[in-house]
């Protein structure tokens, strides 16, 4: 039995269309990825006792946070924030 037919069988069991079952599964998966990225973002910012990218940038610029690895972490946080935003857009598209 193929994966799609298994999904159809399971979705019937829970009285949900296969399409909605798949959609909700994709959304759940994306939310989990988003949650893990938010944790990673928080952990990086917490290293510098910063609450956001702007604050981290300010701390690095003024010298209260080390340039290395500060700049790399700043870039990483920006990339994480972009990925979180993209996930939110993908969820919205569903």
PDB file of N, CA and C in Angstrom:
ATOM      1  N   UNK A   1       0.848  -1.179   0.000  1.00  0.00           N
ATOM      2  CA  UNK A   1       0.000   0.000   0.000  1.00  0.00           C
ATOM      3  C   UNK A   1       0.890   1.237   0.000  1.00  0.00           C
ATOM      4  N   UNK A   2       0.609   2.211  -0.864  1.00  0.00           N
ATOM      5  CA  UNK A   2       1.426   3.407  -0.979  1.00  0.00           C
ATOM      6  C   UNK A   2       1.176   4.390   0.153  1.00  0.00           C
ATOM      7  N   UNK A   3       2.085   5.317   0.285  1.00  0.00           N
ATOM      8  CA  UNK A   3       1.997   6.324   1.345  1.00  0.00           C
ATOM      9  C   UNK A   3       0.728   7.154   1.233  1.00  0.00           C
ATOM     10  N   UNK A   4       0.395   7.568   0.017  1.00  0.00           N
ATOM     11  CA  UNK A   4      -0.795   8.400  -0.175  1.00  0.00           C
ATOM     12  C   UNK A   4      -2.062   7.646   0.218  1.00  0.00           C
ATOM     13  N   UNK A   5      -2.142   6.383  -0.138  1.00  0.00           N
ATOM     14  CA  UNK A   5      -3.335   5.610   0.236  1.00  0.00           C
ATOM     15  C   UNK A   5      -3.377   5.406   1.750  1.00  0.00           C
ATOM     16  N   UNK A   6      -2.241   5.291   2.386  1.00  0.00           N
ATOM     17  CA  UNK A   6      -2.198   5.187   3.853  1.00  0.00           C
ATOM     18  C   UNK A   6      -2.709   6.480   4.483  1.00  0.00           C
ATOM     19  N   UNK A   7      -2.292   7.606   3.935  1.00  0.00           N
ATOM     20  CA  UNK A   7      -2.749   8.904   4.434  1.00  0.00           C
ATOM     21  C   UNK A   7      -4.255   9.014   4.269  1.00  0.00           C
ATOM     22  N   UNK A   8      -4.755   8.605   3.129  1.00  0.00           N
ATOM     23  CA  UNK A   8      -6.203   8.640   2.890  1.00  0.00           C
ATOM     24  C   UNK A   8      -6.941   7.770   3.904  1.00  0.00           C
ATOM     25  N   UNK A   9      -6.410   6.602   4.164  1.00  0.00           N
ATOM     26  CA  UNK A   9      -7.034   5.675   5.122  1.00  0.00           C
ATOM     27  C   UNK A   9      -7.025   6.290   6.529  1.00  0.00           C
ATOM     28  N   UNK A  10      -5.917   6.841   6.931  1.00  0.00           N
ATOM     29  CA  UNK A  10      -5.816   7.431   8.268  1.00  0.00           C
ATOM     30  C   UNK A  10      -6.692   8.673   8.376  1.00  0.00           C
ATOM     31  N   UNK A  11      -6.697   9.497   7.336  1.00  0.00           N
ATOM     32  CA  UNK A  11      -7.513  10.709   7.380  1.00  0.00           C
ATOM     33  C   UNK A  11      -9.001  10.369   7.503  1.00  0.00           C
ATOM     34  N   UNK A  12      -9.434   9.306   6.836  1.00  0.00           N
ATOM     35  CA  UNK A  12     -10.827   8.854   6.966  1.00  0.00           C
ATOM     36  C   UNK A  12     -11.124   8.453   8.403  1.00  0.00           C
ATOM     37  N   UNK A  13     -10.160   7.812   9.031  1.00  0.00           N
ATOM     38  CA  UNK A  13     -10.314   7.366  10.420  1.00  0.00           C
ATOM     39  C   UNK A  13     -10.634   8.545  11.339  1.00  0.00           C
ATOM     40  N   UNK A  14     -10.040   9.704  11.030  1.00  0.00           N
ATOM     41  CA  UNK A  14     -10.235  10.891  11.860  1.00  0.00           C
ATOM     42  C   UNK A  14     -11.218  11.884  11.243  1.00  0.00           C
ATOM     43  N   UNK A  15     -11.940  11.439  10.252  1.00  0.00           N
ATOM     44  CA  UNK A  15     -12.993  12.225   9.601  1.00  0.00           C
ATOM     45  C   UNK A  15     -12.497  13.574   9.088  1.00  0.00           C
ATOM     46  N   UNK A  16     -11.357  13.527   8.434  1.00  0.00           N
ATOM     47  CA  UNK A  16     -10.766  14.725   7.838  1.00  0.00           C
ATOM     48  C   UNK A  16     -10.392  14.354   6.409  1.00  0.00           C
ATOM     49  N   UNK A  17     -10.541  15.303   5.490  1.00  0.00           N
ATOM     50  CA  UNK A  17     -10.138  15.009   4.116  1.00  0.00           C
ATOM     51  C   UNK A  17      -8.629  14.799   4.062  1.00  0.00           C
ATOM     52  N   UNK A  18      -8.186  14.000   3.108  1.00  0.00           N
ATOM     53  CA  UNK A  18      -6.749  13.731   2.963  1.00  0.00           C
ATOM     54  C   UNK A  18      -5.992  15.032   2.725  1.00  0.00           C
ATOM     55  N   UNK A  19      -6.583  15.922   1.939  1.00  0.00           N
ATOM     56  CA  UNK A  19      -5.940  17.207   1.656  1.00  0.00           C
ATOM     57  C   UNK A  19      -5.740  18.025   2.936  1.00  0.00           C
ATOM     58  N   UNK A  20      -6.774  18.093   3.759  1.00  0.00           N
ATOM     59  CA  UNK A  20      -6.668  18.845   5.015  1.00  0.00           C
ATOM     60  C   UNK A  20      -5.705  18.158   5.979  1.00  0.00           C
ATOM     61  N   UNK A  21      -5.704  16.836   5.976  1.00  0.00           N
ATOM     62  CA  UNK A  21      -4.800  16.067   6.828  1.00  0.00           C
ATOM     63  C   UNK A  21      -3.344  16.361   6.458  1.00  0.00           C
ATOM     64  N   UNK A  22      -3.058  16.361   5.164  1.00  0.00           N
ATOM     65  CA  UNK A  22      -1.702  16.661   4.686  1.00  0.00           C
ATOM     66  C   UNK A  22      -1.352  18.106   4.983  1.00  0.00           C
ATOM     67  N   UNK A  23      -2.280  19.021   4.707  1.00  0.00           N
ATOM     68  CA  UNK A  23      -2.056  20.452   4.965  1.00  0.00           C
ATOM     69  C   UNK A  23      -1.729  20.697   6.435  1.00  0.00           C
ATOM     70  N   UNK A  24      -2.509  20.109   7.330  1.00  0.00           N
ATOM     71  CA  UNK A  24      -2.261  20.340   8.757  1.00  0.00           C
ATOM     72  C   UNK A  24      -0.931  19.716   9.184  1.00  0.00           C
ATOM     73  N   UNK A  25      -0.570  18.598   8.566  1.00  0.00           N
ATOM     74  CA  UNK A  25       0.722  17.982   8.863  1.00  0.00           C
ATOM     75  C   UNK A  25       1.887  18.847   8.411  1.00  0.00           C
ATOM     76  N   UNK A  26       1.763  19.437   7.242  1.00  0.00           N
ATOM     77  CA  UNK A  26       2.808  20.331   6.736  1.00  0.00           C
ATOM     78  C   UNK A  26       2.935  21.557   7.637  1.00  0.00           C
ATOM     79  N   UNK A  27       1.791  22.117   8.026  1.00  0.00           N
ATOM     80  CA  UNK A  27       1.817  23.290   8.909  1.00  0.00           C
ATOM     81  C   UNK A  27       2.460  22.935  10.242  1.00  0.00           C
ATOM     82  N   UNK A  28       2.123  21.786  10.788  1.00  0.00           N
ATOM     83  CA  UNK A  28       2.717  21.351  12.054  1.00  0.00           C
ATOM     84  C   UNK A  28       4.228  21.205  11.915  1.00  0.00           C
ATOM     85  N   UNK A  29       4.662  20.620  10.812  1.00  0.00           N
ATOM     86  CA  UNK A  29       6.093  20.456  10.568  1.00  0.00           C
ATOM     87  C   UNK A  29       6.788  21.808  10.452  1.00  0.00           C
ATOM     88  N   UNK A  30       6.191  22.733   9.720  1.00  0.00           N
ATOM     89  CA  UNK A  30       6.785  24.063   9.568  1.00  0.00           C
ATOM     90  C   UNK A  30       6.820  24.808  10.904  1.00  0.00           C
ATOM     91  N   UNK A  31       5.772  24.695  11.701  1.00  0.00           N
ATOM     92  CA  UNK A  31       5.750  25.342  13.025  1.00  0.00           C
ATOM     93  C   UNK A  31       6.859  24.796  13.924  1.00  0.00           C
ATOM     94  N   UNK A  32       7.112  23.486  13.827  1.00  0.00           N
ATOM     95  CA  UNK A  32       8.189  22.887  14.626  1.00  0.00           C
ATOM     96  C   UNK A  32       9.544  23.413  14.179  1.00  0.00           C
ATOM     97  N   UNK A  33       9.763  23.507  12.879  1.00  0.00           N
ATOM     98  CA  UNK A  33      11.017  24.079  12.371  1.00  0.00           C
ATOM     99  C   UNK A  33      11.168  25.517  12.850  1.00  0.00           C
ATOM    100  N   UNK A  34      10.070  26.263  12.814  1.00  0.00           N
ATOM    101  CA  UNK A  34      10.066  27.647  13.264  1.00  0.00           C
ATOM    102  C   UNK A  34      10.400  27.720  14.759  1.00  0.00           C
ATOM    103  N   UNK A  35       9.826  26.834  15.535  1.00  0.00           N
ATOM    104  CA  UNK A  35      10.077  26.809  16.978  1.00  0.00           C
ATOM    105  C   UNK A  35      11.550  26.536  17.272  1.00  0.00           C
ATOM    106  N   UNK A  36      12.137  25.580  16.566  1.00  0.00           N
ATOM    107  CA  UNK A  36      13.550  25.252  16.772  1.00  0.00           C
ATOM    108  C   UNK A  36      14.452  26.422  16.365  1.00  0.00           C
ATOM    109  N   UNK A  37      14.099  27.108  15.298  1.00  0.00           N
ATOM    110  CA  UNK A  37      14.865  28.286  14.884  1.00  0.00           C
ATOM    111  C   UNK A  37      14.744  29.405  15.914  1.00  0.00           C
ATOM    112  N   UNK A  38      13.557  29.572  16.489  1.00  0.00           N
ATOM    113  CA  UNK A  38      13.375  30.607  17.505  1.00  0.00           C
ATOM    114  C   UNK A  38      14.207  30.308  18.748  1.00  0.00           C
ATOM    115  N   UNK A  39      14.306  29.034  19.099  1.00  0.00           N
ATOM    116  CA  UNK A  39      15.157  28.634  20.232  1.00  0.00           C
ATOM    117  C   UNK A  39      16.606  28.957  19.928  1.00  0.00           C
ATOM    118  N   UNK A  40      17.054  28.623  18.724  1.00  0.00           N
ATOM    119  CA  UNK A  40      18.437  28.907  18.322  1.00  0.00           C
ATOM    120  C   UNK A  40      18.708  30.411  18.352  1.00  0.00           C
ATOM    121  N   UNK A  41      17.768  31.198  17.857  1.00  0.00           N
ATOM    122  CA  UNK A  41      17.884  32.665  17.868  1.00  0.00           C
ATOM    123  C   UNK A  41      18.013  33.168  19.303  1.00  0.00           C
ATOM    124  N   UNK A  42      17.141  32.680  20.169  1.00  0.00           N
ATOM    125  CA  UNK A  42      17.160  33.092  21.571  1.00  0.00           C
ATOM    126  C   UNK A  42      18.494  32.729  22.231  1.00  0.00           C
ATOM    127  N   UNK A  43      18.997  31.533  21.960  1.00  0.00           N
ATOM    128  CA  UNK A  43      20.262  31.086  22.570  1.00  0.00           C
ATOM    129  C   UNK A  43      21.422  31.976  22.138  1.00  0.00           C
ATOM    130  N   UNK A  44      21.467  32.334  20.867  1.00  0.00           N
ATOM    131  CA  UNK A  44      22.546  33.202  20.383  1.00  0.00           C
ATOM    132  C   UNK A  44      22.449  34.576  21.034  1.00  0.00           C
ATOM    133  N   UNK A  45      21.262  35.165  21.017  1.00  0.00           N
ATOM    134  CA  UNK A  45      21.092  36.498  21.614  1.00  0.00           C
ATOM    135  C   UNK A  45      21.376  36.469  23.113  1.00  0.00           C
ATOM    136  N   UNK A  46      21.004  35.389  23.782  1.00  0.00           N
ATOM    137  CA  UNK A  46      21.225  35.280  25.228  1.00  0.00           C
ATOM    138  C   UNK A  46      22.712  35.280  25.573  1.00  0.00           C
ATOM    139  N   UNK A  47      23.549  34.742  24.697  1.00  0.00           N
ATOM    140  CA  UNK A  47      25.007  34.755  24.925  1.00  0.00           C
ATOM    141  C   UNK A  47      25.531  36.170  25.125  1.00  0.00           C
ATOM    142  N   UNK A  48      24.859  37.112  24.473  1.00  0.00           N
ATOM    143  CA  UNK A  48      25.300  38.504  24.507  1.00  0.00           C
ATOM    144  C   UNK A  48      24.359  39.373  25.353  1.00  0.00           C
ATOM    145  N   UNK A  49      23.430  38.737  26.013  1.00  0.00           N
ATOM    146  CA  UNK A  49      22.427  39.436  26.805  1.00  0.00           C
ATOM    147  C   UNK A  49      21.745  40.527  25.965  1.00  0.00           C
ATOM    148  N   UNK A  50      21.381  40.139  24.758  1.00  0.00           N
ATOM    149  CA  UNK A  50      20.691  41.035  23.818  1.00  0.00           C
ATOM    150  C   UNK A  50      19.294  40.479  23.561  1.00  0.00           C
ATOM    151  N   UNK A  51      18.347  41.370  23.351  1.00  0.00           N
ATOM    152  CA  UNK A  51      16.980  40.918  23.114  1.00  0.00           C
ATOM    153  C   UNK A  51      16.611  40.898  21.631  1.00  0.00           C
ATOM    154  N   UNK A  52      17.437  41.537  20.794  1.00  0.00           N
ATOM    155  CA  UNK A  52      17.139  41.554  19.359  1.00  0.00           C
ATOM    156  C   UNK A  52      18.420  41.852  18.576  1.00  0.00           C
ATOM    157  N   UNK A  53      18.298  41.809  17.261  1.00  0.00           N
ATOM    158  CA  UNK A  53      19.447  42.021  16.377  1.00  0.00           C
ATOM    159  C   UNK A  53      20.050  43.415  16.565  1.00  0.00           C
ATOM    160  N   UNK A  54      19.179  44.403  16.675  1.00  0.00           N
ATOM    161  CA  UNK A  54      19.667  45.781  16.818  1.00  0.00           C
ATOM    162  C   UNK A  54      20.507  45.944  18.082  1.00  0.00           C
ATOM    163  N   UNK A  55      20.040  45.346  19.165  1.00  0.00           N
ATOM    164  CA  UNK A  55      20.780  45.442  20.423  1.00  0.00           C
ATOM    165  C   UNK A  55      22.124  44.717  20.321  1.00  0.00           C
ATOM    166  N   UNK A  56      22.136  43.556  19.695  1.00  0.00           N
ATOM    167  CA  UNK A  56      23.394  42.826  19.510  1.00  0.00           C
ATOM    168  C   UNK A  56      24.347  43.639  18.643  1.00  0.00           C
ATOM    169  N   UNK A  57      23.847  44.202  17.567  1.00  0.00           N
ATOM    170  CA  UNK A  57      24.669  45.035  16.688  1.00  0.00           C
ATOM    171  C   UNK A  57      25.262  46.202  17.474  1.00  0.00           C
ATOM    172  N   UNK A  58      24.448  46.846  18.288  1.00  0.00           N
ATOM    173  CA  UNK A  58      24.903  47.980  19.094  1.00  0.00           C
ATOM    174  C   UNK A  58      26.001  47.545  20.066  1.00  0.00           C
ATOM    175  N   UNK A  59      25.823  46.414  20.717  1.00  0.00           N
ATOM    176  CA  UNK A  59      26.821  45.928  21.680  1.00  0.00           C
ATOM    177  C   UNK A  59      28.151  45.620  20.994  1.00  0.00           C
ATOM    178  N   UNK A  60      28.085  45.044  19.811  1.00  0.00           N
ATOM    179  CA  UNK A  60      29.323  44.735  19.077  1.00  0.00           C
ATOM    180  C   UNK A  60      29.994  46.032  18.649  1.00  0.00           C
ATOM    181  N   UNK A  61      29.218  46.958  18.120  1.00  0.00           N
ATOM    182  CA  UNK A  61      29.747  48.232  17.632  1.00  0.00           C
ATOM    183  C   UNK A  61      30.391  49.052  18.747  1.00  0.00           C
ATOM    184  N   UNK A  62      29.742  49.075  19.903  1.00  0.00           N
ATOM    185  CA  UNK A  62      30.282  49.872  21.019  1.00  0.00           C
ATOM    186  C   UNK A  62      31.384  49.152  21.776  1.00  0.00           C
ATOM    187  N   UNK A  63      31.560  47.855  21.507  1.00  0.00           N
ATOM    188  CA  UNK A  63      32.656  47.113  22.122  1.00  0.00           C
ATOM    189  C   UNK A  63      32.288  46.362  23.387  1.00  0.00           C
ATOM    190  N   UNK A  64      31.019  46.350  23.782  1.00  0.00           N
ATOM    191  CA  UNK A  64      30.638  45.609  24.986  1.00  0.00           C
ATOM    192  C   UNK A  64      30.410  44.122  24.697  1.00  0.00           C
ATOM    193  N   UNK A  65      30.459  43.753  23.428  1.00  0.00           N
ATOM    194  CA  UNK A  65      30.421  42.347  23.014  1.00  0.00           C
ATOM    195  C   UNK A  65      31.587  42.150  22.045  1.00  0.00           C
ATOM    196  N   UNK A  66      32.233  40.997  22.105  1.00  0.00           N
ATOM    197  CA  UNK A  66      33.394  40.770  21.243  1.00  0.00           C
ATOM    198  C   UNK A  66      33.022  40.744  19.761  1.00  0.00           C
ATOM    199  N   UNK A  67      33.913  41.331  18.944  1.00  0.00           N
ATOM    200  CA  UNK A  67      33.662  41.316  17.495  1.00  0.00           C
ATOM    201  C   UNK A  67      33.649  39.896  16.952  1.00  0.00           C
ATOM    202  N   UNK A  68      34.538  39.082  17.499  1.00  0.00           N
ATOM    203  CA  UNK A  68      34.559  37.678  17.083  1.00  0.00           C
ATOM    204  C   UNK A  68      34.232  36.821  18.289  1.00  0.00           C
ATOM    205  N   UNK A  69      33.227  36.041  18.265  1.00  0.00           N
ATOM    206  CA  UNK A  69      32.383  35.646  17.144  1.00  0.00           C
ATOM    207  C   UNK A  69      31.113  36.487  16.987  1.00  0.00           C
ATOM    208  N   UNK A  70      31.071  37.644  17.600  1.00  0.00           N
ATOM    209  CA  UNK A  70      29.867  38.472  17.582  1.00  0.00           C
ATOM    210  C   UNK A  70      29.303  38.725  16.203  1.00  0.00           C
ATOM    211  N   UNK A  71      30.176  39.138  15.267  1.00  0.00           N
ATOM    212  CA  UNK A  71      29.678  39.449  13.920  1.00  0.00           C
ATOM    213  C   UNK A  71      29.103  38.211  13.241  1.00  0.00           C
ATOM    214  N   UNK A  72      29.789  37.078  13.443  1.00  0.00           N
ATOM    215  CA  UNK A  72      29.290  35.834  12.846  1.00  0.00           C
ATOM    216  C   UNK A  72      27.926  35.468  13.439  1.00  0.00           C
ATOM    217  N   UNK A  73      27.801  35.635  14.756  1.00  0.00           N
ATOM    218  CA  UNK A  73      26.530  35.334  15.403  1.00  0.00           C
ATOM    219  C   UNK A  73      25.445  36.306  14.957  1.00  0.00           C
ATOM    220  N   UNK A  74      25.804  37.554  14.755  1.00  0.00           N
ATOM    221  CA  UNK A  74      24.843  38.546  14.268  1.00  0.00           C
ATOM    222  C   UNK A  74      24.316  38.141  12.893  1.00  0.00           C
ATOM    223  N   UNK A  75      25.203  37.735  12.022  1.00  0.00           N
ATOM    224  CA  UNK A  75      24.803  37.269  10.690  1.00  0.00           C
ATOM    225  C   UNK A  75      23.911  36.040  10.812  1.00  0.00           C
ATOM    226  N   UNK A  76      24.276  35.135  11.704  1.00  0.00           N
ATOM    227  CA  UNK A  76      23.477  33.920  11.898  1.00  0.00           C
ATOM    228  C   UNK A  76      22.071  34.256  12.388  1.00  0.00           C
ATOM    229  N   UNK A  77      21.960  35.177  13.337  1.00  0.00           N
ATOM    230  CA  UNK A  77      20.639  35.571  13.838  1.00  0.00           C
ATOM    231  C   UNK A  77      19.812  36.202  12.726  1.00  0.00           C
ATOM    232  N   UNK A  78      20.438  37.043  11.916  1.00  0.00           N
ATOM    233  CA  UNK A  78      19.708  37.647  10.791  1.00  0.00           C
ATOM    234  C   UNK A  78      19.210  36.577   9.827  1.00  0.00           C
ATOM    235  N   UNK A  79      20.050  35.585   9.549  1.00  0.00           N
ATOM    236  CA  UNK A  79      19.645  34.492   8.666  1.00  0.00           C
ATOM    237  C   UNK A  79      18.498  33.681   9.277  1.00  0.00           C
ATOM    238  N   UNK A  80      18.582  33.441  10.575  1.00  0.00           N
ATOM    239  CA  UNK A  80      17.519  32.712  11.270  1.00  0.00           C
ATOM    240  C   UNK A  80      16.213  33.488  11.188  1.00  0.00           C
ATOM    241  N   UNK A  81      16.274  34.794  11.435  1.00  0.00           N
ATOM    242  CA  UNK A  81      15.070  35.617  11.368  1.00  0.00           C
ATOM    243  C   UNK A  81      14.457  35.600   9.974  1.00  0.00           C
ATOM    244  N   UNK A  82      15.289  35.598   8.954  1.00  0.00           N
ATOM    245  CA  UNK A  82      14.807  35.522   7.580  1.00  0.00           C
ATOM    246  C   UNK A  82      14.117  34.188   7.331  1.00  0.00           C
ATOM    247  N   UNK A  83      14.717  33.115   7.829  1.00  0.00           N
ATOM    248  CA  UNK A  83      14.131  31.788   7.635  1.00  0.00           C
ATOM    249  C   UNK A  83      12.803  31.665   8.384  1.00  0.00           C
ATOM    250  N   UNK A  84      12.724  32.232   9.586  1.00  0.00           N
ATOM    251  CA  UNK A  84      11.473  32.235  10.347  1.00  0.00           C
ATOM    252  C   UNK A  84      10.392  32.978   9.562  1.00  0.00           C
ATOM    253  N   UNK A  85      10.760  34.103   8.987  1.00  0.00           N
ATOM    254  CA  UNK A  85       9.819  34.889   8.187  1.00  0.00           C
ATOM    255  C   UNK A  85       9.345  34.111   6.961  1.00  0.00           C
ATOM    256  N   UNK A  86      10.257  33.423   6.306  1.00  0.00           N
ATOM    257  CA  UNK A  86       9.899  32.625   5.131  1.00  0.00           C
ATOM    258  C   UNK A  86       8.951  31.491   5.503  1.00  0.00           C
ATOM    259  N   UNK A  87       9.197  30.873   6.649  1.00  0.00           N
ATOM    260  CA  UNK A  87       8.308  29.809   7.113  1.00  0.00           C
ATOM    261  C   UNK A  87       6.916  30.380   7.364  1.00  0.00           C
ATOM    262  N   UNK A  88       6.851  31.554   7.991  1.00  0.00           N
ATOM    263  CA  UNK A  88       5.560  32.180   8.261  1.00  0.00           C
ATOM    264  C   UNK A  88       4.824  32.481   6.943  1.00  0.00           C
ATOM    265  N   UNK A  89       5.563  32.930   5.938  1.00  0.00           N
ATOM    266  CA  UNK A  89       4.966  33.184   4.621  1.00  0.00           C
ATOM    267  C   UNK A  89       4.460  31.880   3.995  1.00  0.00           C
ATOM    268  N   UNK A  90       5.248  30.816   4.129  1.00  0.00           N
ATOM    269  CA  UNK A  90       4.832  29.521   3.576  1.00  0.00           C
ATOM    270  C   UNK A  90       3.568  29.023   4.264  1.00  0.00           C
ATOM    271  N   UNK A  91       3.501  29.180   5.561  1.00  0.00           N
ATOM    272  CA  UNK A  91       2.306  28.771   6.312  1.00  0.00           C
ATOM    273  C   UNK A  91       1.111  29.600   5.839  1.00  0.00           C
ATOM    274  N   UNK A  92       1.324  30.889   5.665  1.00  0.00           N
ATOM    275  CA  UNK A  92       0.254  31.747   5.185  1.00  0.00           C
ATOM    276  C   UNK A  92      -0.234  31.361   3.804  1.00  0.00           C
ATOM    277  N   UNK A  93       0.669  30.855   2.981  1.00  0.00           N
ATOM    278  CA  UNK A  93       0.299  30.435   1.616  1.00  0.00           C
ATOM    279  C   UNK A  93      -0.559  29.172   1.624  1.00  0.00           C
ATOM    280  N   UNK A  94      -0.444  28.413   2.704  1.00  0.00           N
ATOM    281  CA  UNK A  94      -1.236  27.178   2.785  1.00  0.00           C
ATOM    282  C   UNK A  94      -2.645  27.510   3.244  1.00  0.00           C
TER     283      UNK A  94
END
